[in-house]
């Protein structure tokens, strides 16, 4: 686990009350389909205090009804699963790098699928913050070369990129594997 101190805050209670967010990078996500992938990611979030247990079923139900595969080119892209903010406990972004691309229904056409090279789950407790975070991630949604770079770069390089792009909201970076 790599930790970045929460700037000059001295007390955990102060740290927790600030508008910081953790970033979790799942460096190796082993899953055969979107259901298994989202279940593993959501279980991690629940078991580590980022979300309520209700998140798991809510995300799976929503993905089934309204797929979140965002196409970056004809057949590859990023999955952006999300659900209502009532399931959030502690703000975090989980960026999962599947061992192999995982098929997700396309956000613009549920009849088609994309190969998700990354899965990004943003857990926040207010809609405005969610939209602000997605706005910061927008470059990833427009450039397949950038998606491939994030998927392939070393963890120290990824840490640098995250710090550069989420600097003032960033509290801690943790690297995990979910197999």
Foldseek 3Di string as FASTA:
>chain_A
DFWDAQPPDDDPVVSQPDLAAEEEEALEEEDAAPLRRLQLVVVVCCVVQFWPPVVSVQQVVCQVVANQFQDQDDAEGEGETEGAQVGGGGWYKYKYQYPFFHWGQYRVGNVDTHGHRIYIYTHHNDPVVVVVVVVLVVVRSHDVVVSVCCNPPDPVVNVVVCCVSCVPRHHTYHYHHGD
